[in-house]
Amino acid sequence: MRAVVLVGGFGTRLRPLTYSVPKPMLPVGHVAIIERLVANLVRGGVTDVTLALGFKPEPFLDAFPDGTCAGAVLHYAVEPEPLDTAGAIRFAADATGIDDTFVVANGDILTDLDIAALVDFHRARGAEATLHLIAVDDPSAFGVVALDDTGLIERFVEKPAPGTAPSNFINAGTYVLEPSVLARIPTGRKVSIERVTFPSIVDDRRVFGWATDDYWIDTGKPDLYLQANLDLVTGARDGADCAPVDAGAHVSTDAVVVDSVIDGGATVDAGARVERSVLLAGSSVAGGAVVRGSIVMGRVCSGASVVDSVIGADAVVDTDEVLVGVRRPDPDAG
């Protein structure tokens, strides 16, 4: 089984973290998002993964020099220009010769979905396309799926008014597609699979949805990226965890670390306190500083307080400075 993983975005929602690290290479529980995603695909029978990229593949080549990731063979399809989701899928499939049933996954998503079961459902229905669906509490903020008792998707409803949604199921970003879907996508054109391609298949009554209650999270925003990490150290994710402090981190025995993930290459000095936060490689927290509910790549000096903030790789929080709800550097500045 082959798969295409869409990793072509610029990671704008995760800035300033993505100024220095491509979004799929950011770690969740000390392991890159892309590696965790591919590992789940491999568990479901995928052996060959094409990364659909919008820019240079060098960071991925450096990370996976033997051309494999989590047991899957890697290929790279670098778009000459942004092609949106359907265009990227068509480009990647053409570039690597995909000509049979295949899986597509959004590169932001971490899930414990049983990929093999999704493929079995797809084949049993004789579907041209099958979407993984997840239930949400408030569907009015999403594109909602209306489907019948067999799983046939009848229509998509974009951000329905409260109380009018036909279901609370949304597109969860993992698909099984037949190669005939590719023929519906013009070559070399910018096309959305969600807004254009899937609705065209709905008209032919060939697209199905399969809803599950598996663990699922979109890591593409700072609060959700933080949550994805914390879920691995707080017991929120059944059957998956990680060591809170990586063996390559330097954490003083006189520091206090509570429900946090400290990556290799991070430093936490004596007297520092870190709560419900992620410290990434190269970060440092000096004595007397407090970091709470934050993601830190840069340097937090002594006595500083960082709460609900995102600190980029080259950023510094000065001695005794107090930050609440800040991104540094500010992606909207300049």
C-alpha atoms as a PDB file:
ATOM      1  CA  MET A   1       0.000   0.000   0.000  1.00  0.00           C
ATOM      2  CA  ARG A   2       1.237   3.467  -0.926  1.00  0.00           C
ATOM      3  CA  ALA A   3       0.486   6.821   0.669  1.00  0.00           C
ATOM      4  CA  VAL A   4       0.832  10.523  -0.066  1.00  0.00           C
ATOM      5  CA  VAL A   5       1.405  12.829   2.915  1.00  0.00           C
ATOM      6  CA  LEU A   6       0.675  16.513   2.384  1.00  0.00           C
ATOM      7  CA  VAL A   7       3.495  18.493   3.986  1.00  0.00           C
ATOM      8  CA  GLY A   8       3.693  21.448   1.609  1.00  0.00           C
ATOM      9  CA  GLY A   9       2.392  24.189   3.883  1.00  0.00           C
ATOM     10  CA  PHE A  10       4.563  26.970   5.270  1.00  0.00           C
ATOM     11  CA  GLY A  11       3.453  26.379   8.854  1.00  0.00           C
ATOM     12  CA  THR A  12       2.233  29.954   9.259  1.00  0.00           C
ATOM     13  CA  ARG A  13      -0.060  29.081  12.161  1.00  0.00           C
ATOM     14  CA  LEU A  14       2.923  27.721  14.117  1.00  0.00           C
ATOM     15  CA  ARG A  15       5.216  30.699  13.653  1.00  0.00           C
ATOM     16  CA  PRO A  16       7.697  31.559  15.108  1.00  0.00           C
ATOM     17  CA  LEU A  17       8.531  27.858  15.652  1.00  0.00           C
ATOM     18  CA  THR A  18       8.491  27.181  11.910  1.00  0.00           C
ATOM     19  CA  TYR A  19      10.922  29.982  11.130  1.00  0.00           C
ATOM     20  CA  SER A  20      13.699  27.541  12.037  1.00  0.00           C
ATOM     21  CA  VAL A  21      12.139  24.058  11.755  1.00  0.00           C
ATOM     22  CA  PRO A  22       9.707  22.802   9.081  1.00  0.00           C
ATOM     23  CA  LYS A  23       6.353  22.035  10.684  1.00  0.00           C
ATOM     24  CA  PRO A  24       6.459  18.243  10.030  1.00  0.00           C
ATOM     25  CA  MET A  25       9.899  18.066  11.668  1.00  0.00           C
ATOM     26  CA  LEU A  26       8.744  19.620  14.948  1.00  0.00           C
ATOM     27  CA  PRO A  27       8.826  16.947  17.660  1.00  0.00           C
ATOM     28  CA  VAL A  28       5.889  15.562  19.600  1.00  0.00           C
ATOM     29  CA  GLY A  29       7.147  13.555  22.535  1.00  0.00           C
ATOM     30  CA  HIS A  30      10.759  13.778  21.231  1.00  0.00           C
ATOM     31  CA  VAL A  31       9.785  12.280  17.830  1.00  0.00           C
ATOM     32  CA  ALA A  32       9.121  14.352  14.691  1.00  0.00           C
ATOM     33  CA  ILE A  33       5.466  14.763  13.745  1.00  0.00           C
ATOM     34  CA  ILE A  34       6.139  13.239  10.329  1.00  0.00           C
ATOM     35  CA  GLU A  35       7.765  10.175  11.884  1.00  0.00           C
ATOM     36  CA  ARG A  36       4.817   9.581  14.214  1.00  0.00           C
ATOM     37  CA  LEU A  37       2.379  10.031  11.338  1.00  0.00           C
ATOM     38  CA  VAL A  38       4.256   7.644   9.050  1.00  0.00           C
ATOM     39  CA  ALA A  39       4.615   5.078  11.838  1.00  0.00           C
ATOM     40  CA  ASN A  40       0.826   4.910  12.109  1.00  0.00           C
ATOM     41  CA  LEU A  41       0.530   4.497   8.346  1.00  0.00           C
ATOM     42  CA  VAL A  42       3.041   1.650   8.472  1.00  0.00           C
ATOM     43  CA  ARG A  43       1.046  -0.060  11.232  1.00  0.00           C
ATOM     44  CA  GLY A  44      -1.875  -0.024   8.809  1.00  0.00           C
ATOM     45  CA  GLY A  45       0.034  -1.684   5.987  1.00  0.00           C
ATOM     46  CA  VAL A  46       1.603   1.285   4.160  1.00  0.00           C
ATOM     47  CA  THR A  47       5.083   0.496   2.852  1.00  0.00           C
ATOM     48  CA  ASP A  48       5.806   3.450   0.567  1.00  0.00           C
ATOM     49  CA  VAL A  49       5.236   7.152   1.369  1.00  0.00           C
ATOM     50  CA  THR A  50       5.506  10.155  -0.935  1.00  0.00           C
ATOM     51  CA  LEU A  51       5.924  13.491   0.820  1.00  0.00           C
ATOM     52  CA  ALA A  52       4.133  16.190  -1.187  1.00  0.00           C
ATOM     53  CA  LEU A  53       6.301  19.250  -0.572  1.00  0.00           C
ATOM     54  CA  GLY A  54       5.892  22.868  -1.527  1.00  0.00           C
ATOM     55  CA  PHE A  55       9.563  23.691  -1.158  1.00  0.00           C
ATOM     56  CA  LYS A  56      12.966  22.075  -0.783  1.00  0.00           C
ATOM     57  CA  PRO A  57      13.232  18.585   0.743  1.00  0.00           C
ATOM     58  CA  GLU A  58      16.695  19.041   2.315  1.00  0.00           C
ATOM     59  CA  PRO A  59      15.538  19.013   5.976  1.00  0.00           C
ATOM     60  CA  PHE A  60      13.806  15.689   5.348  1.00  0.00           C
ATOM     61  CA  LEU A  61      16.774  14.261   3.468  1.00  0.00           C
ATOM     62  CA  ASP A  62      18.987  15.234   6.395  1.00  0.00           C
ATOM     63  CA  ALA A  63      16.606  13.681   8.927  1.00  0.00           C
ATOM     64  CA  PHE A  64      16.136  10.433   6.992  1.00  0.00           C
ATOM     65  CA  PRO A  65      19.401   9.954   5.088  1.00  0.00           C
ATOM     66  CA  ASP A  66      18.727   6.297   4.280  1.00  0.00           C
ATOM     67  CA  GLY A  67      15.503   7.182   2.478  1.00  0.00           C
ATOM     68  CA  THR A  68      13.239   5.506   4.997  1.00  0.00           C
ATOM     69  CA  CYS A  69      11.030   6.743   7.807  1.00  0.00           C
ATOM     70  CA  ALA A  70       9.451   4.523  10.470  1.00  0.00           C
ATOM     71  CA  GLY A  71       9.911   1.515   8.193  1.00  0.00           C
ATOM     72  CA  ALA A  72       8.441   3.074   5.035  1.00  0.00           C
ATOM     73  CA  VAL A  73      10.362   3.969   1.885  1.00  0.00           C
ATOM     74  CA  LEU A  74      10.286   7.738   1.322  1.00  0.00           C
ATOM     75  CA  HIS A  75       9.876   9.647  -1.928  1.00  0.00           C
ATOM     76  CA  TYR A  76       9.743  13.406  -2.410  1.00  0.00           C
ATOM     77  CA  ALA A  77       7.520  15.337  -4.814  1.00  0.00           C
ATOM     78  CA  VAL A  78       8.397  19.037  -4.775  1.00  0.00           C
ATOM     79  CA  GLU A  79       5.718  21.216  -6.401  1.00  0.00           C
ATOM     80  CA  PRO A  80       7.029  23.866  -8.801  1.00  0.00           C
ATOM     81  CA  GLU A  81       4.288  26.180  -7.497  1.00  0.00           C
ATOM     82  CA  PRO A  82       1.562  25.868  -4.826  1.00  0.00           C
ATOM     83  CA  LEU A  83      -1.119  23.501  -6.135  1.00  0.00           C
ATOM     84  CA  ASP A  84      -3.480  23.261  -3.119  1.00  0.00           C
ATOM     85  CA  THR A  85      -4.479  19.852  -1.760  1.00  0.00           C
ATOM     86  CA  ALA A  86      -5.872  18.111  -4.846  1.00  0.00           C
ATOM     87  CA  GLY A  87      -3.217  19.553  -7.137  1.00  0.00           C
ATOM     88  CA  ALA A  88      -0.502  18.407  -4.728  1.00  0.00           C
ATOM     89  CA  ILE A  89      -1.956  14.889  -4.573  1.00  0.00           C
ATOM     90  CA  ARG A  90      -2.119  14.650  -8.380  1.00  0.00           C
ATOM     91  CA  PHE A  91       1.429  15.982  -8.732  1.00  0.00           C
ATOM     92  CA  ALA A  92       2.821  13.565  -6.103  1.00  0.00           C
ATOM     93  CA  ALA A  93       0.988  10.564  -7.559  1.00  0.00           C
ATOM     94  CA  ASP A  94       2.170  11.338 -11.082  1.00  0.00           C
ATOM     95  CA  ALA A  95       5.739  11.937  -9.908  1.00  0.00           C
ATOM     96  CA  THR A  96       5.988   8.572  -8.166  1.00  0.00           C
ATOM     97  CA  GLY A  97       3.796   6.391 -10.381  1.00  0.00           C
ATOM     98  CA  ILE A  98       0.875   5.714  -8.037  1.00  0.00           C
ATOM     99  CA  ASP A  99      -1.660   3.659 -10.008  1.00  0.00           C
ATOM    100  CA  ASP A 100      -3.586   1.652  -7.395  1.00  0.00           C
ATOM    101  CA  THR A 101      -5.661   2.276  -4.262  1.00  0.00           C
ATOM    102  CA  PHE A 102      -3.687   4.647  -2.023  1.00  0.00           C
ATOM    103  CA  VAL A 103      -3.908   6.579   1.249  1.00  0.00           C
ATOM    104  CA  VAL A 104      -3.632  10.354   1.655  1.00  0.00           C
ATOM    105  CA  ALA A 105      -2.897  12.018   4.999  1.00  0.00           C
ATOM    106  CA  ASN A 106      -2.672  15.665   5.998  1.00  0.00           C
ATOM    107  CA  GLY A 107       0.750  16.250   7.528  1.00  0.00           C
ATOM    108  CA  ASP A 108      -0.689  18.187  10.518  1.00  0.00           C
ATOM    109  CA  ILE A 109      -2.677  15.265  11.888  1.00  0.00           C
ATOM    110  CA  LEU A 110      -1.711  12.800  14.599  1.00  0.00           C
ATOM    111  CA  THR A 111      -4.160   9.954  15.090  1.00  0.00           C
ATOM    112  CA  ASP A 112      -4.357   6.361  16.275  1.00  0.00           C
ATOM    113  CA  LEU A 113      -6.725   5.546  13.399  1.00  0.00           C
ATOM    114  CA  ASP A 114      -6.553   1.942  12.177  1.00  0.00           C
ATOM    115  CA  ILE A 115      -5.523   2.576   8.564  1.00  0.00           C
ATOM    116  CA  ALA A 116      -6.037  -1.052   7.516  1.00  0.00           C
ATOM    117  CA  ALA A 117      -9.614  -0.966   8.809  1.00  0.00           C
ATOM    118  CA  LEU A 118     -10.264   2.262   6.884  1.00  0.00           C
ATOM    119  CA  VAL A 119      -8.988   0.613   3.697  1.00  0.00           C
ATOM    120  CA  ASP A 120     -11.163  -2.464   4.338  1.00  0.00           C
ATOM    121  CA  PHE A 121     -14.239  -0.240   4.788  1.00  0.00           C
ATOM    122  CA  HIS A 122     -13.394   1.580   1.546  1.00  0.00           C
ATOM    123  CA  ARG A 123     -13.097  -1.634  -0.434  1.00  0.00           C
ATOM    124  CA  ALA A 124     -16.211  -3.197   1.076  1.00  0.00           C
ATOM    125  CA  ARG A 125     -18.260  -0.183  -0.067  1.00  0.00           C
ATOM    126  CA  GLY A 126     -16.764  -0.119  -3.557  1.00  0.00           C
ATOM    127  CA  ALA A 127     -15.931   3.514  -2.919  1.00  0.00           C
ATOM    128  CA  GLU A 128     -13.948   5.820  -5.147  1.00  0.00           C
ATOM    129  CA  ALA A 129     -12.973   7.882  -2.112  1.00  0.00           C
ATOM    130  CA  THR A 130     -13.369   7.310   1.634  1.00  0.00           C
ATOM    131  CA  LEU A 131     -12.859   9.974   4.308  1.00  0.00           C
ATOM    132  CA  HIS A 132     -11.995   9.388   7.933  1.00  0.00           C
ATOM    133  CA  LEU A 133     -14.473  11.339  10.067  1.00  0.00           C
ATOM    134  CA  ILE A 134     -14.283  12.584  13.650  1.00  0.00           C
ATOM    135  CA  ALA A 135     -17.117  13.884  15.826  1.00  0.00           C
ATOM    136  CA  VAL A 136     -16.766  17.389  17.306  1.00  0.00           C
ATOM    137  CA  ASP A 137     -18.771  19.125  20.016  1.00  0.00           C
ATOM    138  CA  ASP A 138     -19.492  22.269  17.989  1.00  0.00           C
ATOM    139  CA  PRO A 139     -19.761  21.531  14.253  1.00  0.00           C
ATOM    140  CA  SER A 140     -20.686  25.136  13.404  1.00  0.00           C
ATOM    141  CA  ALA A 141     -16.984  26.023  13.158  1.00  0.00           C
ATOM    142  CA  PHE A 142     -16.219  23.316  10.581  1.00  0.00           C
ATOM    143  CA  GLY A 143     -17.230  21.809   7.289  1.00  0.00           C
ATOM    144  CA  VAL A 144     -19.726  19.108   8.301  1.00  0.00           C
ATOM    145  CA  VAL A 145     -20.511  15.818   6.537  1.00  0.00           C
ATOM    146  CA  ALA A 146     -24.065  14.548   5.969  1.00  0.00           C
ATOM    147  CA  LEU A 147     -24.134  10.785   5.392  1.00  0.00           C
ATOM    148  CA  ASP A 148     -26.622   7.935   5.304  1.00  0.00           C
ATOM    149  CA  ASP A 149     -26.689   4.724   7.357  1.00  0.00           C
ATOM    150  CA  THR A 150     -24.255   2.958   4.982  1.00  0.00           C
ATOM    151  CA  GLY A 151     -21.673   5.731   5.282  1.00  0.00           C
ATOM    152  CA  LEU A 152     -22.427   7.230   1.864  1.00  0.00           C
ATOM    153  CA  ILE A 153     -21.684  10.957   2.005  1.00  0.00           C
ATOM    154  CA  GLU A 154     -24.655  12.891   0.655  1.00  0.00           C
ATOM    155  CA  ARG A 155     -23.312  16.421   0.964  1.00  0.00           C
ATOM    156  CA  PHE A 156     -20.888  18.751   2.698  1.00  0.00           C
ATOM    157  CA  VAL A 157     -22.172  21.713   4.707  1.00  0.00           C
ATOM    158  CA  GLU A 158     -19.643  24.470   5.406  1.00  0.00           C
ATOM    159  CA  LYS A 159     -19.879  26.024   8.894  1.00  0.00           C
ATOM    160  CA  PRO A 160     -23.602  25.441   9.458  1.00  0.00           C
ATOM    161  CA  ALA A 161     -25.456  27.796  11.781  1.00  0.00           C
ATOM    162  CA  PRO A 162     -25.700  26.461  15.342  1.00  0.00           C
ATOM    163  CA  GLY A 163     -28.419  23.851  15.609  1.00  0.00           C
ATOM    164  CA  THR A 164     -28.706  23.272  11.852  1.00  0.00           C
ATOM    165  CA  ALA A 165     -25.826  20.860  11.219  1.00  0.00           C
ATOM    166  CA  PRO A 166     -26.831  17.536   9.639  1.00  0.00           C
ATOM    167  CA  SER A 167     -24.279  15.745  11.836  1.00  0.00           C
ATOM    168  CA  ASN A 168     -21.347  16.517  14.101  1.00  0.00           C
ATOM    169  CA  PHE A 169     -18.865  14.665  11.883  1.00  0.00           C
ATOM    170  CA  ILE A 170     -16.020  16.511  10.188  1.00  0.00           C
ATOM    171  CA  ASN A 171     -13.332  15.570   7.696  1.00  0.00           C
ATOM    172  CA  ALA A 172     -10.407  14.272   9.789  1.00  0.00           C
ATOM    173  CA  GLY A 173      -7.756  14.528   7.082  1.00  0.00           C
ATOM    174  CA  THR A 174      -7.038  10.895   6.184  1.00  0.00           C
ATOM    175  CA  TYR A 175      -8.415   9.445   2.944  1.00  0.00           C
ATOM    176  CA  VAL A 176      -8.397   6.291   0.861  1.00  0.00           C
ATOM    177  CA  LEU A 177      -8.542   7.038  -2.864  1.00  0.00           C
ATOM    178  CA  GLU A 178      -8.808   5.090  -6.079  1.00  0.00           C
ATOM    179  CA  PRO A 179      -6.528   6.209  -8.940  1.00  0.00           C
ATOM    180  CA  SER A 180      -9.673   7.310 -10.819  1.00  0.00           C
ATOM    181  CA  VAL A 181      -9.795  10.279  -8.430  1.00  0.00           C
ATOM    182  CA  LEU A 182      -6.589  11.544 -10.013  1.00  0.00           C
ATOM    183  CA  ALA A 183      -8.310  11.821 -13.387  1.00  0.00           C
ATOM    184  CA  ARG A 184     -10.747  14.292 -11.824  1.00  0.00           C
ATOM    185  CA  ILE A 185      -7.873  16.666 -10.936  1.00  0.00           C
ATOM    186  CA  PRO A 186      -6.437  18.822 -13.723  1.00  0.00           C
ATOM    187  CA  THR A 187      -2.677  18.469 -14.082  1.00  0.00           C
ATOM    188  CA  GLY A 188      -0.593  21.377 -12.851  1.00  0.00           C
ATOM    189  CA  ARG A 189      -3.536  23.421 -11.581  1.00  0.00           C
ATOM    190  CA  LYS A 190      -4.353  24.712  -8.115  1.00  0.00           C
ATOM    191  CA  VAL A 191      -7.345  22.651  -6.943  1.00  0.00           C
ATOM    192  CA  SER A 192      -8.782  21.903  -3.490  1.00  0.00           C
ATOM    193  CA  ILE A 193      -9.744  18.298  -2.855  1.00  0.00           C
ATOM    194  CA  GLU A 194     -12.101  19.377  -0.065  1.00  0.00           C
ATOM    195  CA  ARG A 195     -13.947  22.108  -1.970  1.00  0.00           C
ATOM    196  CA  VAL A 196     -13.836  20.782  -5.547  1.00  0.00           C
ATOM    197  CA  THR A 197     -12.867  17.131  -5.947  1.00  0.00           C
ATOM    198  CA  PHE A 198     -14.808  15.476  -3.126  1.00  0.00           C
ATOM    199  CA  PRO A 199     -18.071  17.318  -3.966  1.00  0.00           C
ATOM    200  CA  SER A 200     -17.756  16.108  -7.571  1.00  0.00           C
ATOM    201  CA  ILE A 201     -17.482  12.505  -6.342  1.00  0.00           C
ATOM    202  CA  VAL A 202     -20.450  13.035  -4.011  1.00  0.00           C
ATOM    203  CA  ASP A 203     -22.507  13.911  -7.083  1.00  0.00           C
ATOM    204  CA  ASP A 204     -21.659  10.447  -8.451  1.00  0.00           C
ATOM    205  CA  ARG A 205     -22.490   8.780  -5.086  1.00  0.00           C
ATOM    206  CA  ARG A 206     -19.011   7.263  -4.815  1.00  0.00           C
ATOM    207  CA  VAL A 207     -17.593   8.903  -1.673  1.00  0.00           C
ATOM    208  CA  PHE A 208     -18.054   7.384   1.774  1.00  0.00           C
ATOM    209  CA  GLY A 209     -17.198   8.428   5.313  1.00  0.00           C
ATOM    210  CA  TRP A 210     -16.061   6.275   8.217  1.00  0.00           C
ATOM    211  CA  ALA A 211     -16.392   7.776  11.680  1.00  0.00           C
ATOM    212  CA  THR A 212     -14.240   6.631  14.599  1.00  0.00           C
ATOM    213  CA  ASP A 213     -13.506   7.828  18.116  1.00  0.00           C
ATOM    214  CA  ASP A 214      -9.755   7.232  17.865  1.00  0.00           C
ATOM    215  CA  TYR A 215      -7.282   9.732  19.290  1.00  0.00           C
ATOM    216  CA  TRP A 216      -7.040  12.610  16.809  1.00  0.00           C
ATOM    217  CA  ILE A 217      -5.449  16.047  16.955  1.00  0.00           C
ATOM    218  CA  ASP A 218      -4.491  18.740  14.456  1.00  0.00           C
ATOM    219  CA  THR A 219      -1.011  19.864  15.515  1.00  0.00           C
ATOM    220  CA  GLY A 220      -0.980  22.915  13.250  1.00  0.00           C
ATOM    221  CA  LYS A 221      -1.639  25.569  15.932  1.00  0.00           C
ATOM    222  CA  PRO A 222       0.507  26.320  19.016  1.00  0.00           C
ATOM    223  CA  ASP A 223      -2.140  25.367  21.588  1.00  0.00           C
ATOM    224  CA  LEU A 224      -2.855  22.065  19.849  1.00  0.00           C
ATOM    225  CA  TYR A 225       0.822  21.338  19.212  1.00  0.00           C
ATOM    226  CA  LEU A 226       1.412  21.877  22.934  1.00  0.00           C
ATOM    227  CA  GLN A 227      -1.552  19.628  23.761  1.00  0.00           C
ATOM    228  CA  ALA A 228      -0.261  16.850  21.492  1.00  0.00           C
ATOM    229  CA  ASN A 229       2.967  16.813  23.496  1.00  0.00           C
ATOM    230  CA  LEU A 230       1.300  16.995  26.890  1.00  0.00           C
ATOM    231  CA  ASP A 231      -1.102  14.182  25.999  1.00  0.00           C
ATOM    232  CA  LEU A 232       1.924  11.860  25.977  1.00  0.00           C
ATOM    233  CA  VAL A 233       3.027  12.725  29.523  1.00  0.00           C
ATOM    234  CA  THR A 234      -0.326  13.175  31.251  1.00  0.00           C
ATOM    235  CA  GLY A 235      -1.903   9.852  30.305  1.00  0.00           C
ATOM    236  CA  ALA A 236      -4.483  11.461  28.016  1.00  0.00           C
ATOM    237  CA  ARG A 237      -3.508   9.264  25.057  1.00  0.00           C
ATOM    238  CA  ASP A 238      -4.219   5.587  25.654  1.00  0.00           C
ATOM    239  CA  GLY A 239      -1.389   3.262  24.700  1.00  0.00           C
ATOM    240  CA  ALA A 240       1.097   6.029  23.892  1.00  0.00           C
ATOM    241  CA  ASP A 241       3.475   7.947  26.097  1.00  0.00           C
ATOM    242  CA  CYS A 242       7.005   9.320  26.254  1.00  0.00           C
ATOM    243  CA  ALA A 243       9.669  10.103  28.819  1.00  0.00           C
ATOM    244  CA  PRO A 244       9.004  13.673  30.000  1.00  0.00           C
ATOM    245  CA  VAL A 245      12.711  14.529  29.951  1.00  0.00           C
ATOM    246  CA  ASP A 246      14.856  13.294  27.065  1.00  0.00           C
ATOM    247  CA  ALA A 247      18.150  11.659  27.982  1.00  0.00           C
ATOM    248  CA  GLY A 248      19.985  14.418  26.103  1.00  0.00           C
ATOM    249  CA  ALA A 249      18.420  17.253  28.105  1.00  0.00           C
ATOM    250  CA  HIS A 250      20.248  19.020  30.939  1.00  0.00           C
ATOM    251  CA  VAL A 251      17.814  19.474  33.825  1.00  0.00           C
ATOM    252  CA  SER A 252      19.092  20.393  37.269  1.00  0.00           C
ATOM    253  CA  THR A 253      17.982  18.194  40.124  1.00  0.00           C
ATOM    254  CA  ASP A 254      16.950  21.451  41.823  1.00  0.00           C
ATOM    255  CA  ALA A 255      14.589  22.432  38.986  1.00  0.00           C
ATOM    256  CA  VAL A 256      10.855  21.690  39.125  1.00  0.00           C
ATOM    257  CA  VAL A 257       9.312  20.114  36.012  1.00  0.00           C
ATOM    258  CA  VAL A 258       5.571  19.341  36.048  1.00  0.00           C
ATOM    259  CA  ASP A 259       3.647  17.681  33.185  1.00  0.00           C
ATOM    260  CA  SER A 260       6.103  18.933  30.571  1.00  0.00           C
ATOM    261  CA  VAL A 261       8.214  17.651  27.679  1.00  0.00           C
ATOM    262  CA  ILE A 262      11.901  18.602  27.703  1.00  0.00           C
ATOM    263  CA  ASP A 263      13.731  17.715  24.491  1.00  0.00           C
ATOM    264  CA  GLY A 264      17.339  16.701  24.115  1.00  0.00           C
ATOM    265  CA  GLY A 265      19.612  19.740  23.995  1.00  0.00           C
ATOM    266  CA  ALA A 266      17.371  21.816  26.272  1.00  0.00           C
ATOM    267  CA  THR A 267      18.681  23.191  29.575  1.00  0.00           C
ATOM    268  CA  VAL A 268      16.791  23.902  32.796  1.00  0.00           C
ATOM    269  CA  ASP A 269      18.852  25.437  35.595  1.00  0.00           C
ATOM    270  CA  ALA A 270      18.497  25.048  39.355  1.00  0.00           C
ATOM    271  CA  GLY A 271      15.584  27.001  40.772  1.00  0.00           C
ATOM    272  CA  ALA A 272      13.662  27.123  37.496  1.00  0.00           C
ATOM    273  CA  ARG A 273      10.070  25.924  37.256  1.00  0.00           C
ATOM    274  CA  VAL A 274       8.489  24.462  34.092  1.00  0.00           C
ATOM    275  CA  GLU A 275       4.795  23.526  34.061  1.00  0.00           C
ATOM    276  CA  ARG A 276       2.676  22.095  31.237  1.00  0.00           C
ATOM    277  CA  SER A 277       5.173  23.310  28.658  1.00  0.00           C
ATOM    278  CA  VAL A 278       7.426  22.081  25.875  1.00  0.00           C
ATOM    279  CA  LEU A 279      11.116  23.010  25.781  1.00  0.00           C
ATOM    280  CA  LEU A 280      12.595  22.241  22.374  1.00  0.00           C
ATOM    281  CA  ALA A 281      16.203  21.506  21.455  1.00  0.00           C
ATOM    282  CA  GLY A 282      18.504  24.465  22.078  1.00  0.00           C
ATOM    283  CA  SER A 283      16.200  26.188  24.563  1.00  0.00           C
ATOM    284  CA  SER A 284      17.263  27.229  28.046  1.00  0.00           C
ATOM    285  CA  VAL A 285      15.482  28.304  31.217  1.00  0.00           C
ATOM    286  CA  ALA A 286      17.627  30.018  33.818  1.00  0.00           C
ATOM    287  CA  GLY A 287      17.343  29.840  37.601  1.00  0.00           C
ATOM    288  CA  GLY A 288      14.351  31.547  39.141  1.00  0.00           C
ATOM    289  CA  ALA A 289      12.447  31.638  35.835  1.00  0.00           C
ATOM    290  CA  VAL A 290       8.937  30.221  35.464  1.00  0.00           C
ATOM    291  CA  VAL A 291       7.579  28.770  32.214  1.00  0.00           C
ATOM    292  CA  ARG A 292       3.929  27.760  32.196  1.00  0.00           C
ATOM    293  CA  GLY A 293       1.668  26.629  29.339  1.00  0.00           C
ATOM    294  CA  SER A 294       4.293  27.640  26.777  1.00  0.00           C
ATOM    295  CA  ILE A 295       6.526  26.396  23.967  1.00  0.00           C
ATOM    296  CA  VAL A 296      10.142  27.537  24.127  1.00  0.00           C
ATOM    297  CA  MET A 297      12.882  27.285  21.519  1.00  0.00           C
ATOM    298  CA  GLY A 298      14.880  30.292  22.699  1.00  0.00           C
ATOM    299  CA  ARG A 299      16.329  31.562  25.955  1.00  0.00           C
ATOM    300  CA  VAL A 300      14.474  32.479  29.154  1.00  0.00           C
ATOM    301  CA  CYS A 301      16.688  34.453  31.512  1.00  0.00           C
ATOM    302  CA  SER A 302      16.735  34.395  35.310  1.00  0.00           C
ATOM    303  CA  GLY A 303      13.648  35.515  37.146  1.00  0.00           C
ATOM    304  CA  ALA A 304      11.536  35.802  33.979  1.00  0.00           C
ATOM    305  CA  SER A 305       7.958  34.576  33.748  1.00  0.00           C
ATOM    306  CA  VAL A 306       6.598  33.102  30.516  1.00  0.00           C
ATOM    307  CA  VAL A 307       2.933  32.109  30.456  1.00  0.00           C
ATOM    308  CA  ASP A 308       0.835  30.873  27.509  1.00  0.00           C
ATOM    309  CA  SER A 309       3.506  32.053  25.085  1.00  0.00           C
ATOM    310  CA  VAL A 310       5.612  30.830  22.157  1.00  0.00           C
ATOM    311  CA  ILE A 311       9.316  31.710  22.126  1.00  0.00           C
ATOM    312  CA  GLY A 312      11.176  31.184  18.842  1.00  0.00           C
ATOM    313  CA  ALA A 313      14.683  29.855  18.341  1.00  0.00           C
ATOM    314  CA  ASP A 314      16.558  33.173  18.405  1.00  0.00           C
ATOM    315  CA  ALA A 315      14.305  34.949  20.884  1.00  0.00           C
ATOM    316  CA  VAL A 316      15.339  36.001  24.387  1.00  0.00           C
ATOM    317  CA  VAL A 317      13.136  36.693  27.395  1.00  0.00           C
ATOM    318  CA  ASP A 318      15.136  39.144  29.473  1.00  0.00           C
ATOM    319  CA  THR A 319      15.889  38.909  33.184  1.00  0.00           C
ATOM    320  CA  ASP A 320      12.738  39.425  35.286  1.00  0.00           C
ATOM    321  CA  GLU A 321      10.638  40.088  32.173  1.00  0.00           C
ATOM    322  CA  VAL A 322       6.986  38.946  32.294  1.00  0.00           C
ATOM    323  CA  LEU A 323       5.280  37.620  29.151  1.00  0.00           C
ATOM    324  CA  VAL A 324       1.668  36.451  28.949  1.00  0.00           C
ATOM    325  CA  GLY A 325       0.108  35.310  25.685  1.00  0.00           C
ATOM    326  CA  VAL A 326       3.029  36.503  23.557  1.00  0.00           C
ATOM    327  CA  ARG A 327       4.705  35.136  20.444  1.00  0.00           C
ATOM    328  CA  ARG A 328       8.349  36.234  20.163  1.00  0.00           C
ATOM    329  CA  PRO A 329       9.293  37.186  17.562  1.00  0.00           C
ATOM    330  CA  ASP A 330       5.780  38.339  16.660  1.00  0.00           C
ATOM    331  CA  PRO A 331       4.808  36.746  13.319  1.00  0.00           C
ATOM    332  CA  ASP A 332       2.515  39.719  12.595  1.00  0.00           C
ATOM    333  CA  ALA A 333       5.171  42.376  13.154  1.00  0.00           C
ATOM    334  CA  GLY A 334       6.834  44.035  10.215  1.00  0.00           C
END
